[in-house]
Amino acid sequence: MIIGKWQPVLSVSEGVEANGKRTVKNNSKFSSNDIMQFNADGSIIDGGQLYFSYSLDPNNDKALSLFDGGNYERKFEIAQLDKATMKIVIRETDQYKGEPFYIIWTMVFKRK
């Protein structure tokens, strides 16, 4: 069901510092060039030129891996996938000022 063209419509990034301080950034301004096309062979045509291939975990239908040009893997959870909408989420922990910084990035796409 992921195969096809998808237009991003919303990007939400939320950061939470160790002290609980939250920072949320929303972006809903995308151009028609930002389309991501998922192909049956595992390749991606990405208007943003961030990702070049993908894989779906055969043991977990909610796990989506996207790979950049250096073959670096980013693991997303598919929170929603139907004929019209795809919502993917990544949760990461980074370091900020020597303490853990939690990041949740949500992308919502509409089928093109």
C-alpha atoms as a PDB file:
ATOM      1  CA  MET A   1       0.000   0.000   0.000  1.00  0.00           C
ATOM      2  CA  ILE A   2       2.988   2.330   0.405  1.00  0.00           C
ATOM      3  CA  ILE A   3       3.883   2.166  -3.300  1.00  0.00           C
ATOM      4  CA  GLY A   4       3.007   5.370  -5.138  1.00  0.00           C
ATOM      5  CA  LYS A   5       3.414   9.122  -4.904  1.00  0.00           C
ATOM      6  CA  TRP A   6       2.945  10.926  -1.593  1.00  0.00           C
ATOM      7  CA  GLN A   7       2.749  14.675  -0.961  1.00  0.00           C
ATOM      8  CA  PRO A   8       3.855  15.833   2.507  1.00  0.00           C
ATOM      9  CA  VAL A   9       1.230  18.035   4.137  1.00  0.00           C
ATOM     10  CA  LEU A  10       2.505  18.335   7.719  1.00  0.00           C
ATOM     11  CA  SER A  11       5.781  17.954   9.575  1.00  0.00           C
ATOM     12  CA  VAL A  12       5.831  18.239  13.356  1.00  0.00           C
ATOM     13  CA  SER A  13       9.039  18.012  15.350  1.00  0.00           C
ATOM     14  CA  GLU A  14       8.935  17.958  19.112  1.00  0.00           C
ATOM     15  CA  GLY A  15      11.998  18.117  21.318  1.00  0.00           C
ATOM     16  CA  VAL A  16      11.970  17.443  25.043  1.00  0.00           C
ATOM     17  CA  GLU A  17      14.962  18.413  27.159  1.00  0.00           C
ATOM     18  CA  ALA A  18      15.953  16.461  30.272  1.00  0.00           C
ATOM     19  CA  ASN A  19      14.358  19.189  32.436  1.00  0.00           C
ATOM     20  CA  GLY A  20      11.013  18.670  30.667  1.00  0.00           C
ATOM     21  CA  LYS A  21      11.146  21.806  28.488  1.00  0.00           C
ATOM     22  CA  ARG A  22       9.306  21.149  25.222  1.00  0.00           C
ATOM     23  CA  THR A  23       9.898  22.745  21.845  1.00  0.00           C
ATOM     24  CA  VAL A  24       7.447  22.088  19.011  1.00  0.00           C
ATOM     25  CA  LYS A  25       7.865  23.149  15.395  1.00  0.00           C
ATOM     26  CA  ASN A  26       5.176  22.710  12.744  1.00  0.00           C
ATOM     27  CA  ASN A  27       5.672  22.970   9.007  1.00  0.00           C
ATOM     28  CA  SER A  28       2.812  22.727   6.529  1.00  0.00           C
ATOM     29  CA  LYS A  29       4.390  24.660   3.663  1.00  0.00           C
ATOM     30  CA  PHE A  30       5.456  22.148   1.047  1.00  0.00           C
ATOM     31  CA  SER A  31       5.823  22.620  -2.681  1.00  0.00           C
ATOM     32  CA  SER A  32       4.677  20.283  -5.430  1.00  0.00           C
ATOM     33  CA  ASN A  33       8.367  19.300  -5.802  1.00  0.00           C
ATOM     34  CA  ASP A  34       8.426  17.725  -2.321  1.00  0.00           C
ATOM     35  CA  ILE A  35       6.671  14.539  -3.462  1.00  0.00           C
ATOM     36  CA  MET A  36       8.118  11.191  -2.362  1.00  0.00           C
ATOM     37  CA  GLN A  37       7.523   8.322  -4.751  1.00  0.00           C
ATOM     38  CA  PHE A  38       7.900   4.841  -3.253  1.00  0.00           C
ATOM     39  CA  ASN A  39       8.648   2.271  -5.968  1.00  0.00           C
ATOM     40  CA  ALA A  40       8.043  -1.483  -5.868  1.00  0.00           C
ATOM     41  CA  ASP A  41      11.803  -2.187  -6.172  1.00  0.00           C
ATOM     42  CA  GLY A  42      12.563  -0.408  -2.853  1.00  0.00           C
ATOM     43  CA  SER A  43      13.802   2.796  -4.444  1.00  0.00           C
ATOM     44  CA  ILE A  44      12.472   6.269  -3.682  1.00  0.00           C
ATOM     45  CA  ILE A  45      12.274   9.323  -5.882  1.00  0.00           C
ATOM     46  CA  ASP A  46      12.408  12.057  -3.239  1.00  0.00           C
ATOM     47  CA  GLY A  47      11.786  15.666  -4.267  1.00  0.00           C
ATOM     48  CA  GLY A  48      13.705  16.751  -1.160  1.00  0.00           C
ATOM     49  CA  GLN A  49      16.608  14.492  -2.184  1.00  0.00           C
ATOM     50  CA  LEU A  50      17.041  13.143   1.345  1.00  0.00           C
ATOM     51  CA  TYR A  51      16.231   9.485   0.820  1.00  0.00           C
ATOM     52  CA  PHE A  52      17.015   7.100  -2.010  1.00  0.00           C
ATOM     53  CA  SER A  53      15.632   3.753  -0.857  1.00  0.00           C
ATOM     54  CA  TYR A  54      13.373   2.154   1.715  1.00  0.00           C
ATOM     55  CA  SER A  55      12.517  -1.191   3.241  1.00  0.00           C
ATOM     56  CA  LEU A  56       9.576  -2.544   5.182  1.00  0.00           C
ATOM     57  CA  ASP A  57      10.291  -4.972   8.003  1.00  0.00           C
ATOM     58  CA  PRO A  58       8.827  -8.374   7.012  1.00  0.00           C
ATOM     59  CA  ASN A  59       8.219  -9.175  10.707  1.00  0.00           C
ATOM     60  CA  ASN A  60       6.666  -5.824  11.644  1.00  0.00           C
ATOM     61  CA  ASP A  61       4.304  -4.132   9.179  1.00  0.00           C
ATOM     62  CA  LYS A  62       4.627  -0.862  11.123  1.00  0.00           C
ATOM     63  CA  ALA A  63       8.415  -0.548  10.656  1.00  0.00           C
ATOM     64  CA  LEU A  64       9.689   1.565   7.750  1.00  0.00           C
ATOM     65  CA  SER A  65      13.393   2.196   7.143  1.00  0.00           C
ATOM     66  CA  LEU A  66      14.489   5.063   4.906  1.00  0.00           C
ATOM     67  CA  PHE A  67      18.054   5.192   3.566  1.00  0.00           C
ATOM     68  CA  ASP A  68      19.966   8.280   2.446  1.00  0.00           C
ATOM     69  CA  GLY A  69      22.724   8.469  -0.170  1.00  0.00           C
ATOM     70  CA  GLY A  70      25.320   7.183   2.309  1.00  0.00           C
ATOM     71  CA  ASN A  71      23.030   4.241   3.119  1.00  0.00           C
ATOM     72  CA  TYR A  72      22.371   5.647   6.626  1.00  0.00           C
ATOM     73  CA  GLU A  73      19.166   4.109   7.966  1.00  0.00           C
ATOM     74  CA  ARG A  74      16.433   6.056   9.745  1.00  0.00           C
ATOM     75  CA  LYS A  75      13.769   3.860  11.335  1.00  0.00           C
ATOM     76  CA  PHE A  76      10.216   5.165  11.300  1.00  0.00           C
ATOM     77  CA  GLU A  77       7.009   3.749  12.714  1.00  0.00           C
ATOM     78  CA  ILE A  78       4.052   3.755  10.348  1.00  0.00           C
ATOM     79  CA  ALA A  79       1.336   5.223  12.555  1.00  0.00           C
ATOM     80  CA  GLN A  80      -1.248   5.345   9.748  1.00  0.00           C
ATOM     81  CA  LEU A  81      -1.338   3.974   6.218  1.00  0.00           C
ATOM     82  CA  ASP A  82      -4.465   3.809   4.122  1.00  0.00           C
ATOM     83  CA  LYS A  83      -5.444   4.648   0.549  1.00  0.00           C
ATOM     84  CA  ALA A  84      -5.322   8.413   1.179  1.00  0.00           C
ATOM     85  CA  THR A  85      -3.006   9.110   4.142  1.00  0.00           C
ATOM     86  CA  MET A  86       0.360   7.998   5.460  1.00  0.00           C
ATOM     87  CA  LYS A  87       1.680   9.128   8.833  1.00  0.00           C
ATOM     88  CA  ILE A  88       5.200   8.162   9.891  1.00  0.00           C
ATOM     89  CA  VAL A  89       6.910   8.844  13.217  1.00  0.00           C
ATOM     90  CA  ILE A  90      10.513   8.627  14.358  1.00  0.00           C
ATOM     91  CA  ARG A  91      11.629   8.765  17.976  1.00  0.00           C
ATOM     92  CA  GLU A  92      15.277   9.450  18.739  1.00  0.00           C
ATOM     93  CA  THR A  93      17.415  10.386  21.699  1.00  0.00           C
ATOM     94  CA  ASP A  94      20.252  12.835  21.190  1.00  0.00           C
ATOM     95  CA  GLN A  95      22.564  14.721  23.526  1.00  0.00           C
ATOM     96  CA  TYR A  96      21.990  18.400  24.315  1.00  0.00           C
ATOM     97  CA  LYS A  97      24.214  20.170  26.832  1.00  0.00           C
ATOM     98  CA  GLY A  98      25.424  16.759  28.020  1.00  0.00           C
ATOM     99  CA  GLU A  99      21.931  15.484  28.806  1.00  0.00           C
ATOM    100  CA  PRO A 100      19.441  13.364  26.861  1.00  0.00           C
ATOM    101  CA  PHE A 101      17.252  15.244  24.392  1.00  0.00           C
ATOM    102  CA  TYR A 102      14.215  13.348  23.133  1.00  0.00           C
ATOM    103  CA  ILE A 103      12.992  14.031  19.607  1.00  0.00           C
ATOM    104  CA  ILE A 104       9.700  12.974  18.039  1.00  0.00           C
ATOM    105  CA  TRP A 105       9.278  13.793  14.363  1.00  0.00           C
ATOM    106  CA  THR A 106       5.937  13.152  12.663  1.00  0.00           C
ATOM    107  CA  MET A 107       5.342  13.438   8.921  1.00  0.00           C
ATOM    108  CA  VAL A 108       1.892  13.284   7.352  1.00  0.00           C
ATOM    109  CA  PHE A 109       1.477  12.619   3.624  1.00  0.00           C
ATOM    110  CA  LYS A 110      -1.515  12.548   1.291  1.00  0.00           C
ATOM    111  CA  ARG A 111      -1.548  10.239  -1.711  1.00  0.00           C
ATOM    112  CA  LYS A 112      -0.952  12.137  -4.920  1.00  0.00           C
END
